[in-house]
PDB file of N, CA and C in Angstrom:
ATOM      1  N   MET A   1      55.951  35.681  36.186  1.00  0.00           N
ATOM      2  CA  MET A   1      55.923  37.019  36.856  1.00  0.00           C
ATOM      3  C   MET A   1      54.596  37.946  35.803  1.00  0.00           C
ATOM      4  N   LEU A   2      54.136  39.001  36.104  1.00  0.00           N
ATOM      5  CA  LEU A   2      53.822  39.738  34.823  1.00  0.00           C
ATOM      6  C   LEU A   2      54.153  40.567  34.334  1.00  0.00           C
ATOM      7  N   PHE A   3      54.186  41.358  33.422  1.00  0.00           N
ATOM      8  CA  PHE A   3      55.220  42.766  32.972  1.00  0.00           C
ATOM      9  C   PHE A   3      54.177  43.104  32.061  1.00  0.00           C
ATOM     10  N   ARG A   4      53.788  44.257  32.677  1.00  0.00           N
ATOM     11  CA  ARG A   4      53.093  45.539  31.570  1.00  0.00           C
ATOM     12  C   ARG A   4      53.911  46.788  31.352  1.00  0.00           C
ATOM     13  N   VAL A   5      53.415  47.495  30.818  1.00  0.00           N
ATOM     14  CA  VAL A   5      53.817  48.793  30.255  1.00  0.00           C
ATOM     15  C   VAL A   5      53.035  49.249  29.769  1.00  0.00           C
ATOM     16  N   ASP A   6      53.212  51.013  29.957  1.00  0.00           N
ATOM     17  CA  ASP A   6      51.986  52.047  28.900  1.00  0.00           C
ATOM     18  C   ASP A   6      52.810  53.043  28.484  1.00  0.00           C
ATOM     19  N   PRO A   7      52.483  52.462  27.065  1.00  0.00           N
ATOM     20  CA  PRO A   7      53.661  53.078  26.164  1.00  0.00           C
ATOM     21  C   PRO A   7      52.829  54.689  25.917  1.00  0.00           C
ATOM     22  N   THR A   8      51.560  55.010  26.525  1.00  0.00           N
ATOM     23  CA  THR A   8      50.980  56.440  26.671  1.00  0.00           C
ATOM     24  C   THR A   8      51.762  57.125  27.910  1.00  0.00           C
ATOM     25  N   SER A   9      52.049  56.735  29.414  1.00  0.00           N
ATOM     26  CA  SER A   9      52.353  57.105  30.033  1.00  0.00           C
ATOM     27  C   SER A   9      53.666  57.659  30.165  1.00  0.00           C
ATOM     28  N   THR A  10      54.149  58.817  31.105  1.00  0.00           N
ATOM     29  CA  THR A  10      55.174  59.362  31.196  1.00  0.00           C
ATOM     30  C   THR A  10      56.296  59.122  31.264  1.00  0.00           C
ATOM     31  N   VAL A  11      55.935  58.085  32.098  1.00  0.00           N
ATOM     32  CA  VAL A  11      57.397  57.011  32.961  1.00  0.00           C
ATOM     33  C   VAL A  11      57.878  56.469  30.697  1.00  0.00           C
ATOM     34  N   PRO A  12      59.028  56.717  30.890  1.00  0.00           N
ATOM     35  CA  PRO A  12      59.999  55.790  30.160  1.00  0.00           C
ATOM     36  C   PRO A  12      59.792  54.229  30.340  1.00  0.00           C
ATOM     37  N   LEU A  13      59.958  53.384  29.235  1.00  0.00           N
ATOM     38  CA  LEU A  13      59.198  51.956  29.551  1.00  0.00           C
ATOM     39  C   LEU A  13      59.990  51.373  30.097  1.00  0.00           C
ATOM     40  N   GLY A  14      61.650  51.816  30.346  1.00  0.00           N
ATOM     41  CA  GLY A  14      62.694  50.647  31.213  1.00  0.00           C
ATOM     42  C   GLY A  14      62.035  50.891  32.083  1.00  0.00           C
ATOM     43  N   ASP A  15      62.052  52.360  32.931  1.00  0.00           N
ATOM     44  CA  ASP A  15      61.520  52.360  33.771  1.00  0.00           C
ATOM     45  C   ASP A  15      60.211  51.485  34.862  1.00  0.00           C
ATOM     46  N   GLN A  16      59.152  51.601  33.674  1.00  0.00           N
ATOM     47  CA  GLN A  16      58.148  50.565  33.861  1.00  0.00           C
ATOM     48  C   GLN A  16      58.272  49.494  33.989  1.00  0.00           C
ATOM     49  N   ILE A  17      59.126  48.763  33.571  1.00  0.00           N
ATOM     50  CA  ILE A  17      59.958  47.464  33.615  1.00  0.00           C
ATOM     51  C   ILE A  17      60.826  47.211  34.643  1.00  0.00           C
ATOM     52  N   ALA A  18      61.496  47.474  34.783  1.00  0.00           N
ATOM     53  CA  ALA A  18      62.237  47.749  36.464  1.00  0.00           C
ATOM     54  C   ALA A  18      61.420  47.602  37.552  1.00  0.00           C
ATOM     55  N   ALA A  19      60.182  48.891  36.911  1.00  0.00           N
ATOM     56  CA  ALA A  19      59.164  48.942  38.375  1.00  0.00           C
ATOM     57  C   ALA A  19      58.420  48.067  38.556  1.00  0.00           C
ATOM     58  N   CYS A  20      57.755  46.955  36.949  1.00  0.00           N
ATOM     59  CA  CYS A  20      57.337  45.861  37.468  1.00  0.00           C
ATOM     60  C   CYS A  20      58.192  44.558  38.271  1.00  0.00           C
ATOM     61  N   VAL A  21      59.959  44.633  38.134  1.00  0.00           N
ATOM     62  CA  VAL A  21      59.967  43.900  38.852  1.00  0.00           C
ATOM     63  C   VAL A  21      60.365  44.126  40.439  1.00  0.00           C
ATOM     64  N   ARG A  22      60.658  45.335  40.469  1.00  0.00           N
ATOM     65  CA  ARG A  22      60.522  45.746  41.803  1.00  0.00           C
ATOM     66  C   ARG A  22      59.166  45.395  42.588  1.00  0.00           C
ATOM     67  N   ARG A  23      57.632  45.436  42.138  1.00  0.00           N
ATOM     68  CA  ARG A  23      56.775  45.105  42.885  1.00  0.00           C
ATOM     69  C   ARG A  23      56.759  43.727  42.851  1.00  0.00           C
ATOM     70  N   ALA A  24      56.950  42.978  42.141  1.00  0.00           N
ATOM     71  CA  ALA A  24      57.300  41.427  41.960  1.00  0.00           C
ATOM     72  C   ALA A  24      58.168  41.039  42.949  1.00  0.00           C
ATOM     73  N   VAL A  25      59.383  41.927  43.211  1.00  0.00           N
ATOM     74  CA  VAL A  25      60.189  41.315  44.771  1.00  0.00           C
ATOM     75  C   VAL A  25      59.477  42.004  45.773  1.00  0.00           C
ATOM     76  N   ALA A  26      58.527  42.658  45.798  1.00  0.00           N
ATOM     77  CA  ALA A  26      57.722  43.647  46.739  1.00  0.00           C
ATOM     78  C   ALA A  26      56.857  42.462  47.696  1.00  0.00           C
ATOM     79  N   ASP A  27      56.310  42.248  46.785  1.00  0.00           N
ATOM     80  CA  ASP A  27      55.154  40.900  46.908  1.00  0.00           C
ATOM     81  C   ASP A  27      55.758  39.418  46.831  1.00  0.00           C
ATOM     82  N   GLY A  28      56.778  39.517  46.994  1.00  0.00           N
ATOM     83  CA  GLY A  28      57.194  37.992  47.155  1.00  0.00           C
ATOM     84  C   GLY A  28      57.043  36.826  45.659  1.00  0.00           C
ATOM     85  N   ALA A  29      56.292  37.722  44.913  1.00  0.00           N
ATOM     86  CA  ALA A  29      56.574  36.920  43.498  1.00  0.00           C
ATOM     87  C   ALA A  29      57.184  35.913  42.765  1.00  0.00           C
ATOM     88  N   VAL A  30      58.636  37.106  43.102  1.00  0.00           N
ATOM     89  CA  VAL A  30      59.976  36.466  42.586  1.00  0.00           C
ATOM     90  C   VAL A  30      60.885  36.445  43.805  1.00  0.00           C
ATOM     91  N   VAL A  31      62.030  35.695  44.056  1.00  0.00           N
ATOM     92  CA  VAL A  31      62.805  35.174  45.103  1.00  0.00           C
ATOM     93  C   VAL A  31      63.973  35.054  44.500  1.00  0.00           C
ATOM     94  N   PRO A  32      65.397  35.332  45.533  1.00  0.00           N
ATOM     95  CA  PRO A  32      66.558  35.725  44.827  1.00  0.00           C
ATOM     96  C   PRO A  32      66.653  34.000  44.745  1.00  0.00           C
ATOM     97  N   GLY A  33      67.936  33.934  43.615  1.00  0.00           N
ATOM     98  CA  GLY A  33      68.108  33.140  42.711  1.00  0.00           C
ATOM     99  C   GLY A  33      67.008  32.935  41.240  1.00  0.00           C
ATOM    100  N   GLU A  34      65.882  33.506  41.400  1.00  0.00           N
ATOM    101  CA  GLU A  34      64.996  32.899  40.338  1.00  0.00           C
ATOM    102  C   GLU A  34      65.559  33.811  39.171  1.00  0.00           C
ATOM    103  N   ARG A  35      65.664  33.610  37.701  1.00  0.00           N
ATOM    104  CA  ARG A  35      65.898  33.963  36.210  1.00  0.00           C
ATOM    105  C   ARG A  35      64.754  34.862  35.908  1.00  0.00           C
ATOM    106  N   LEU A  36      64.467  36.217  35.701  1.00  0.00           N
ATOM    107  CA  LEU A  36      64.388  37.033  34.979  1.00  0.00           C
ATOM    108  C   LEU A  36      63.862  36.468  33.564  1.00  0.00           C
ATOM    109  N   PRO A  37      62.900  36.866  32.737  1.00  0.00           N
ATOM    110  CA  PRO A  37      62.848  36.538  31.298  1.00  0.00           C
ATOM    111  C   PRO A  37      64.025  37.209  30.358  1.00  0.00           C
ATOM    112  N   ALA A  38      64.445  36.098  29.430  1.00  0.00           N
ATOM    113  CA  ALA A  38      65.795  37.036  28.846  1.00  0.00           C
ATOM    114  C   ALA A  38      65.382  38.077  27.820  1.00  0.00           C
ATOM    115  N   ALA A  39      65.733  39.567  27.877  1.00  0.00           N
ATOM    116  CA  ALA A  39      65.433  41.091  27.056  1.00  0.00           C
ATOM    117  C   ALA A  39      65.141  40.635  26.449  1.00  0.00           C
ATOM    118  N   ARG A  40      65.594  39.891  24.864  1.00  0.00           N
ATOM    119  CA  ARG A  40      65.273  39.491  23.510  1.00  0.00           C
ATOM    120  C   ARG A  40      63.486  39.003  23.704  1.00  0.00           C
ATOM    121  N   VAL A  41      63.475  38.223  24.710  1.00  0.00           N
ATOM    122  CA  VAL A  41      62.523  37.170  24.872  1.00  0.00           C
ATOM    123  C   VAL A  41      61.904  38.442  25.022  1.00  0.00           C
ATOM    124  N   LEU A  42      61.448  39.266  26.253  1.00  0.00           N
ATOM    125  CA  LEU A  42      60.778  39.595  27.132  1.00  0.00           C
ATOM    126  C   LEU A  42      60.603  41.524  26.359  1.00  0.00           C
ATOM    127  N   ALA A  43      61.274  41.682  25.552  1.00  0.00           N
ATOM    128  CA  ALA A  43      60.965  42.881  24.301  1.00  0.00           C
ATOM    129  C   ALA A  43      60.092  42.553  23.374  1.00  0.00           C
ATOM    130  N   GLU A  44      60.054  40.956  22.645  1.00  0.00           N
ATOM    131  CA  GLU A  44      58.820  41.162  21.661  1.00  0.00           C
ATOM    132  C   GLU A  44      57.274  40.671  22.465  1.00  0.00           C
ATOM    133  N   THR A  45      57.746  40.212  23.361  1.00  0.00           N
ATOM    134  CA  THR A  45      56.320  39.907  24.800  1.00  0.00           C
ATOM    135  C   THR A  45      55.718  41.395  24.696  1.00  0.00           C
ATOM    136  N   LEU A  46      56.494  42.342  25.036  1.00  0.00           N
ATOM    137  CA  LEU A  46      55.716  43.512  24.822  1.00  0.00           C
ATOM    138  C   LEU A  46      55.686  44.180  24.126  1.00  0.00           C
ATOM    139  N   GLY A  47      56.753  44.214  23.045  1.00  0.00           N
ATOM    140  CA  GLY A  47      56.722  44.824  21.829  1.00  0.00           C
ATOM    141  C   GLY A  47      57.122  45.995  22.032  1.00  0.00           C
ATOM    142  N   VAL A  48      58.589  46.348  22.470  1.00  0.00           N
ATOM    143  CA  VAL A  48      59.572  47.200  22.560  1.00  0.00           C
ATOM    144  C   VAL A  48      60.769  46.537  22.170  1.00  0.00           C
ATOM    145  N   ASN A  49      61.588  47.616  22.374  1.00  0.00           N
ATOM    146  CA  ASN A  49      63.198  47.418  21.834  1.00  0.00           C
ATOM    147  C   ASN A  49      63.685  46.748  22.809  1.00  0.00           C
ATOM    148  N   VAL A  50      65.173  45.804  22.961  1.00  0.00           N
ATOM    149  CA  VAL A  50      65.765  44.600  23.091  1.00  0.00           C
ATOM    150  C   VAL A  50      66.265  46.444  24.577  1.00  0.00           C
ATOM    151  N   HIS A  51      66.693  47.112  23.784  1.00  0.00           N
ATOM    152  CA  HIS A  51      67.383  47.691  24.595  1.00  0.00           C
ATOM    153  C   HIS A  51      66.578  48.796  25.672  1.00  0.00           C
ATOM    154  N   THR A  52      65.275  48.752  25.497  1.00  0.00           N
ATOM    155  CA  THR A  52      64.510  49.555  26.448  1.00  0.00           C
ATOM    156  C   THR A  52      64.480  48.456  27.383  1.00  0.00           C
ATOM    157  N   VAL A  53      64.231  47.085  27.430  1.00  0.00           N
ATOM    158  CA  VAL A  53      64.156  45.881  28.400  1.00  0.00           C
ATOM    159  C   VAL A  53      65.688  46.211  28.986  1.00  0.00           C
ATOM    160  N   LEU A  54      66.951  45.993  28.543  1.00  0.00           N
ATOM    161  CA  LEU A  54      68.052  46.244  28.971  1.00  0.00           C
ATOM    162  C   LEU A  54      68.301  47.457  30.141  1.00  0.00           C
ATOM    163  N   ARG A  55      68.055  48.494  29.764  1.00  0.00           N
ATOM    164  CA  ARG A  55      67.732  50.340  30.368  1.00  0.00           C
ATOM    165  C   ARG A  55      67.507  49.383  31.926  1.00  0.00           C
ATOM    166  N   GLY A  56      65.760  48.649  31.998  1.00  0.00           N
ATOM    167  CA  GLY A  56      65.465  48.274  32.695  1.00  0.00           C
ATOM    168  C   GLY A  56      66.383  47.485  33.587  1.00  0.00           C
ATOM    169  N   TYR A  57      66.396  46.620  32.888  1.00  0.00           N
ATOM    170  CA  TYR A  57      67.228  45.793  33.916  1.00  0.00           C
ATOM    171  C   TYR A  57      68.466  46.055  34.319  1.00  0.00           C
ATOM    172  N   GLN A  58      69.078  46.970  33.227  1.00  0.00           N
ATOM    173  CA  GLN A  58      70.958  48.065  34.345  1.00  0.00           C
ATOM    174  C   GLN A  58      70.261  48.395  35.552  1.00  0.00           C
ATOM    175  N   GLN A  59      69.450  49.501  35.087  1.00  0.00           N
ATOM    176  CA  GLN A  59      68.873  50.011  36.683  1.00  0.00           C
ATOM    177  C   GLN A  59      68.681  49.025  37.576  1.00  0.00           C
ATOM    178  N   LEU A  60      67.901  48.032  37.934  1.00  0.00           N
ATOM    179  CA  LEU A  60      67.989  46.847  38.804  1.00  0.00           C
ATOM    180  C   LEU A  60      69.004  46.517  39.169  1.00  0.00           C
ATOM    181  N   ARG A  61      69.969  46.576  38.589  1.00  0.00           N
ATOM    182  CA  ARG A  61      71.330  45.860  38.647  1.00  0.00           C
ATOM    183  C   ARG A  61      71.861  46.590  39.567  1.00  0.00           C
ATOM    184  N   GLU A  62      71.984  47.837  39.041  1.00  0.00           N
ATOM    185  CA  GLU A  62      72.672  49.262  39.615  1.00  0.00           C
ATOM    186  C   GLU A  62      72.146  49.643  41.292  1.00  0.00           C
ATOM    187  N   GLU A  63      71.175  49.007  41.739  1.00  0.00           N
ATOM    188  CA  GLU A  63      70.047  49.021  42.406  1.00  0.00           C
ATOM    189  C   GLU A  63      70.383  47.507  43.829  1.00  0.00           C
ATOM    190  N   GLY A  64      70.647  46.686  42.881  1.00  0.00           N
ATOM    191  CA  GLY A  64      71.487  45.727  43.182  1.00  0.00           C
ATOM    192  C   GLY A  64      69.977  44.749  43.335  1.00  0.00           C
ATOM    193  N   LEU A  65      69.451  44.863  42.674  1.00  0.00           N
ATOM    194  CA  LEU A  65      68.338  43.775  42.943  1.00  0.00           C
ATOM    195  C   LEU A  65      68.738  42.720  42.154  1.00  0.00           C
ATOM    196  N   ILE A  66      69.188  42.484  41.257  1.00  0.00           N
ATOM    197  CA  ILE A  66      69.394  41.655  40.279  1.00  0.00           C
ATOM    198  C   ILE A  66      70.766  41.791  39.477  1.00  0.00           C
ATOM    199  N   GLU A  67      71.536  40.418  39.090  1.00  0.00           N
ATOM    200  CA  GLU A  67      72.896  40.353  38.715  1.00  0.00           C
ATOM    201  C   GLU A  67      72.619  40.125  37.015  1.00  0.00           C
ATOM    202  N   LEU A  68      73.497  41.013  36.024  1.00  0.00           N
ATOM    203  CA  LEU A  68      72.901  39.948  34.372  1.00  0.00           C
ATOM    204  C   LEU A  68      74.481  39.465  34.640  1.00  0.00           C
ATOM    205  N   ARG A  69      74.239  38.244  34.629  1.00  0.00           N
ATOM    206  CA  ARG A  69      75.220  37.295  33.837  1.00  0.00           C
ATOM    207  C   ARG A  69      75.048  37.056  32.478  1.00  0.00           C
ATOM    208  N   ARG A  70      76.634  36.768  31.573  1.00  0.00           N
ATOM    209  CA  ARG A  70      76.246  36.310  30.257  1.00  0.00           C
ATOM    210  C   ARG A  70      76.274  35.169  30.092  1.00  0.00           C
ATOM    211  N   GLY A  71      75.151  34.406  28.904  1.00  0.00           N
ATOM    212  CA  GLY A  71      74.686  33.081  29.158  1.00  0.00           C
ATOM    213  C   GLY A  71      73.587  32.844  30.470  1.00  0.00           C
ATOM    214  N   ARG A  72      73.552  33.659  31.421  1.00  0.00           N
ATOM    215  CA  ARG A  72      72.444  33.284  32.442  1.00  0.00           C
ATOM    216  C   ARG A  72      71.871  34.015  32.298  1.00  0.00           C
ATOM    217  N   GLY A  73      72.061  35.762  31.636  1.00  0.00           N
ATOM    218  CA  GLY A  73      70.829  36.725  31.984  1.00  0.00           C
ATOM    219  C   GLY A  73      70.582  37.062  33.130  1.00  0.00           C
ATOM    220  N   ALA A  74      69.595  37.757  33.608  1.00  0.00           N
ATOM    221  CA  ALA A  74      69.307  38.202  34.488  1.00  0.00           C
ATOM    222  C   ALA A  74      68.485  37.658  36.015  1.00  0.00           C
ATOM    223  N   VAL A  75      69.747  37.462  37.011  1.00  0.00           N
ATOM    224  CA  VAL A  75      68.885  36.820  38.186  1.00  0.00           C
ATOM    225  C   VAL A  75      68.843  37.374  39.267  1.00  0.00           C
ATOM    226  N   VAL A  76      67.695  37.644  39.955  1.00  0.00           N
ATOM    227  CA  VAL A  76      66.950  37.872  41.000  1.00  0.00           C
ATOM    228  C   VAL A  76      68.331  37.801  42.152  1.00  0.00           C
ATOM    229  N   THR A  77      69.176  38.621  42.911  1.00  0.00           N
ATOM    230  CA  THR A  77      69.689  38.590  44.012  1.00  0.00           C
ATOM    231  C   THR A  77      69.362  37.966  45.254  1.00  0.00           C
ATOM    232  N   GLY A  78      70.080  38.076  46.150  1.00  0.00           N
ATOM    233  CA  GLY A  78      70.225  37.171  47.255  1.00  0.00           C
ATOM    234  C   GLY A  78      69.901  38.488  48.323  1.00  0.00           C
ATOM    235  N   GLY A  79      70.371  39.948  47.589  1.00  0.00           N
ATOM    236  CA  GLY A  79      70.037  40.752  48.552  1.00  0.00           C
ATOM    237  C   GLY A  79      69.023  41.510  48.371  1.00  0.00           C
ATOM    238  N   ALA A  80      67.860  40.757  47.382  1.00  0.00           N
ATOM    239  CA  ALA A  80      66.395  41.320  47.069  1.00  0.00           C
ATOM    240  C   ALA A  80      65.696  41.408  48.238  1.00  0.00           C
ATOM    241  N   SER A  81      65.376  41.918  48.855  1.00  0.00           N
ATOM    242  CA  SER A  81      64.500  41.705  50.054  1.00  0.00           C
ATOM    243  C   SER A  81      62.869  42.541  49.643  1.00  0.00           C
ATOM    244  N   PRO A  82      61.909  41.912  49.855  1.00  0.00           N
ATOM    245  CA  PRO A  82      60.837  42.677  49.785  1.00  0.00           C
ATOM    246  C   PRO A  82      60.914  43.792  49.758  1.00  0.00           C
ATOM    247  N   HIS A  83      61.397  44.277  51.045  1.00  0.00           N
ATOM    248  CA  HIS A  83      61.582  45.136  52.011  1.00  0.00           C
ATOM    249  C   HIS A  83      62.425  46.141  51.204  1.00  0.00           C
ATOM    250  N   ARG A  84      63.249  45.881  51.001  1.00  0.00           N
ATOM    251  CA  ARG A  84      64.540  46.853  50.340  1.00  0.00           C
ATOM    252  C   ARG A  84      63.946  47.213  48.784  1.00  0.00           C
ATOM    253  N   ALA A  85      62.968  46.481  47.955  1.00  0.00           N
ATOM    254  CA  ALA A  85      62.193  46.691  46.812  1.00  0.00           C
ATOM    255  C   ALA A  85      61.275  47.783  47.122  1.00  0.00           C
ATOM    256  N   ARG A  86      60.869  47.769  48.355  1.00  0.00           N
ATOM    257  CA  ARG A  86      59.391  48.615  48.754  1.00  0.00           C
ATOM    258  C   ARG A  86      60.115  49.984  48.660  1.00  0.00           C
ATOM    259  N   LEU A  87      61.763  49.946  49.649  1.00  0.00           N
ATOM    260  CA  LEU A  87      62.234  51.160  49.823  1.00  0.00           C
ATOM    261  C   LEU A  87      62.600  51.606  48.635  1.00  0.00           C
ATOM    262  N   LEU A  88      63.137  51.457  47.570  1.00  0.00           N
ATOM    263  CA  LEU A  88      63.384  51.584  46.302  1.00  0.00           C
ATOM    264  C   LEU A  88      62.421  51.931  45.603  1.00  0.00           C
ATOM    265  N   GLU A  89      61.377  51.375  45.949  1.00  0.00           N
ATOM    266  CA  GLU A  89      60.261  51.960  45.579  1.00  0.00           C
ATOM    267  C   GLU A  89      59.528  53.553  45.404  1.00  0.00           C
ATOM    268  N   HIS A  90      59.527  53.503  46.919  1.00  0.00           N
ATOM    269  CA  HIS A  90      58.983  54.473  48.319  1.00  0.00           C
ATOM    270  C   HIS A  90      60.157  55.782  47.487  1.00  0.00           C
ATOM    271  N   VAL A  91      61.542  55.704  47.344  1.00  0.00           N
ATOM    272  CA  VAL A  91      62.231  56.570  47.258  1.00  0.00           C
ATOM    273  C   VAL A  91      61.801  57.396  45.630  1.00  0.00           C
ATOM    274  N   ARG A  92      62.207  56.217  44.477  1.00  0.00           N
ATOM    275  CA  ARG A  92      61.182  56.331  43.355  1.00  0.00           C
ATOM    276  C   ARG A  92      60.551  57.471  43.572  1.00  0.00           C
ATOM    277  N   ASP A  93      59.561  57.137  44.086  1.00  0.00           N
ATOM    278  CA  ASP A  93      58.358  58.103  44.018  1.00  0.00           C
ATOM    279  C   ASP A  93      58.704  59.799  44.793  1.00  0.00           C
ATOM    280  N   VAL A  94      59.479  59.635  45.831  1.00  0.00           N
ATOM    281  CA  VAL A  94      60.077  60.546  46.737  1.00  0.00           C
ATOM    282  C   VAL A  94      60.374  61.779  45.212  1.00  0.00           C
ATOM    283  N   VAL A  95      61.595  61.119  44.577  1.00  0.00           N
ATOM    284  CA  VAL A  95      62.330  61.615  43.872  1.00  0.00           C
ATOM    285  C   VAL A  95      61.647  62.322  42.736  1.00  0.00           C
ATOM    286  N   ALA A  96      60.709  61.378  42.038  1.00  0.00           N
ATOM    287  CA  ALA A  96      59.707  62.182  40.877  1.00  0.00           C
ATOM    288  C   ALA A  96      58.656  63.470  41.390  1.00  0.00           C
ATOM    289  N   ASP A  97      58.252  63.389  43.008  1.00  0.00           N
ATOM    290  CA  ASP A  97      57.595  64.245  43.544  1.00  0.00           C
ATOM    291  C   ASP A  97      58.593  65.318  43.679  1.00  0.00           C
ATOM    292  N   ALA A  98      59.813  65.241  44.352  1.00  0.00           N
ATOM    293  CA  ALA A  98      60.506  66.281  44.479  1.00  0.00           C
ATOM    294  C   ALA A  98      61.036  67.090  43.052  1.00  0.00           C
ATOM    295  N   ARG A  99      60.823  66.261  42.021  1.00  0.00           N
ATOM    296  CA  ARG A  99      61.356  67.238  40.576  1.00  0.00           C
ATOM    297  C   ARG A  99      59.660  68.107  40.095  1.00  0.00           C
ATOM    298  N   GLU A 100      58.973  67.529  39.966  1.00  0.00           N
ATOM    299  CA  GLU A 100      57.011  67.597  40.028  1.00  0.00           C
ATOM    300  C   GLU A 100      57.266  69.020  40.750  1.00  0.00           C
ATOM    301  N   LEU A 101      57.446  69.051  42.127  1.00  0.00           N
ATOM    302  CA  LEU A 101      57.629  70.329  42.603  1.00  0.00           C
ATOM    303  C   LEU A 101      58.423  71.440  42.432  1.00  0.00           C
ATOM    304  N   GLY A 102      59.673  70.928  41.756  1.00  0.00           N
ATOM    305  CA  GLY A 102      60.530  71.473  41.365  1.00  0.00           C
ATOM    306  C   GLY A 102      61.682  72.092  42.504  1.00  0.00           C
ATOM    307  N   MET A 103      61.642  70.662  43.093  1.00  0.00           N
ATOM    308  CA  MET A 103      62.997  71.139  44.093  1.00  0.00           C
ATOM    309  C   MET A 103      64.736  70.340  43.461  1.00  0.00           C
ATOM    310  N   THR A 104      65.471  71.356  44.114  1.00  0.00           N
ATOM    311  CA  THR A 104      67.010  70.828  43.377  1.00  0.00           C
ATOM    312  C   THR A 104      67.193  69.257  43.731  1.00  0.00           C
ATOM    313  N   GLU A 105      68.195  68.751  43.464  1.00  0.00           N
ATOM    314  CA  GLU A 105      68.885  67.921  44.212  1.00  0.00           C
ATOM    315  C   GLU A 105      69.520  68.219  45.422  1.00  0.00           C
ATOM    316  N   ASP A 106      70.292  69.375  45.652  1.00  0.00           N
ATOM    317  CA  ASP A 106      70.547  69.686  47.269  1.00  0.00           C
ATOM    318  C   ASP A 106      69.292  70.091  47.862  1.00  0.00           C
ATOM    319  N   GLU A 107      68.414  70.810  47.390  1.00  0.00           N
ATOM    320  CA  GLU A 107      66.901  70.959  48.495  1.00  0.00           C
ATOM    321  C   GLU A 107      66.414  69.684  48.879  1.00  0.00           C
ATOM    322  N   LEU A 108      66.578  68.428  48.260  1.00  0.00           N
ATOM    323  CA  LEU A 108      66.071  67.027  48.425  1.00  0.00           C
ATOM    324  C   LEU A 108      66.738  66.419  49.167  1.00  0.00           C
ATOM    325  N   LEU A 109      68.376  66.390  49.304  1.00  0.00           N
ATOM    326  CA  LEU A 109      69.050  65.963  50.459  1.00  0.00           C
ATOM    327  C   LEU A 109      69.041  66.633  51.769  1.00  0.00           C
ATOM    328  N   ALA A 110      69.141  68.261  51.548  1.00  0.00           N
ATOM    329  CA  ALA A 110      68.830  68.515  52.557  1.00  0.00           C
ATOM    330  C   ALA A 110      67.657  68.343  53.507  1.00  0.00           C
ATOM    331  N   LEU A 111      66.869  68.077  52.463  1.00  0.00           N
ATOM    332  CA  LEU A 111      65.226  67.492  53.251  1.00  0.00           C
ATOM    333  C   LEU A 111      65.330  66.183  54.355  1.00  0.00           C
ATOM    334  N   ILE A 112      65.946  65.045  53.342  1.00  0.00           N
ATOM    335  CA  ILE A 112      66.633  63.537  53.974  1.00  0.00           C
ATOM    336  C   ILE A 112      67.238  64.021  54.954  1.00  0.00           C
ATOM    337  N   ARG A 113      68.192  64.781  54.551  1.00  0.00           N
ATOM    338  CA  ARG A 113      68.998  65.199  56.223  1.00  0.00           C
ATOM    339  C   ARG A 113      68.685  65.311  56.767  1.00  0.00           C
ATOM    340  N   THR A 114      67.839  66.144  56.799  1.00  0.00           N
ATOM    341  CA  THR A 114      66.801  66.393  58.125  1.00  0.00           C
ATOM    342  C   THR A 114      66.533  65.645  59.238  1.00  0.00           C
ATOM    343  N   GLU A 115      65.374  64.845  58.070  1.00  0.00           N
ATOM    344  CA  GLU A 115      64.578  63.924  58.783  1.00  0.00           C
ATOM    345  C   GLU A 115      65.289  63.280  59.353  1.00  0.00           C
ATOM    346  N   LEU A 116      66.595  62.481  58.550  1.00  0.00           N
ATOM    347  CA  LEU A 116      67.201  61.858  59.499  1.00  0.00           C
ATOM    348  C   LEU A 116      67.970  61.784  60.561  1.00  0.00           C
ATOM    349  N   ASP A 117      68.153  63.272  60.514  1.00  0.00           N
ATOM    350  CA  ASP A 117      69.087  63.935  61.713  1.00  0.00           C
ATOM    351  C   ASP A 117      67.705  63.795  62.648  1.00  0.00           C
ATOM    352  N   ASN A 118      66.540  63.855  62.700  1.00  0.00           N
ATOM    353  CA  ASN A 118      65.288  64.388  63.358  1.00  0.00           C
ATOM    354  C   ASN A 118      64.731  62.609  64.080  1.00  0.00           C
ATOM    355  N   THR A 119      65.509  61.357  63.487  1.00  0.00           N
ATOM    356  CA  THR A 119      65.087  60.443  63.950  1.00  0.00           C
ATOM    357  C   THR A 119      66.131  59.570  64.884  1.00  0.00           C
TER     358      THR A 119
END
């Protein structure tokens, strides 16, 4: 799996790392049960702090895409389907767009609820 980060981007490095994994799951490049690189190794490879990698991995754990196990590291979960990973990317994009437009959380949630009610 290929990790790329852009230190000049306004997107935090941890978010960029999480996005790399999401894309790899969405593309089928990584599959459930596959281990991700150890945080220390990935941090050294990318030239970032290990805590930056761990922040990205923590995000993915909260999204249900990976499990973090002591001694085993980060493992892609069985619930990490390509469709779910793509949806998570879209949700992140929508939230970023809403913030850029100055929408409040309540406005965005109301917009989403309206769309859900119309389907």
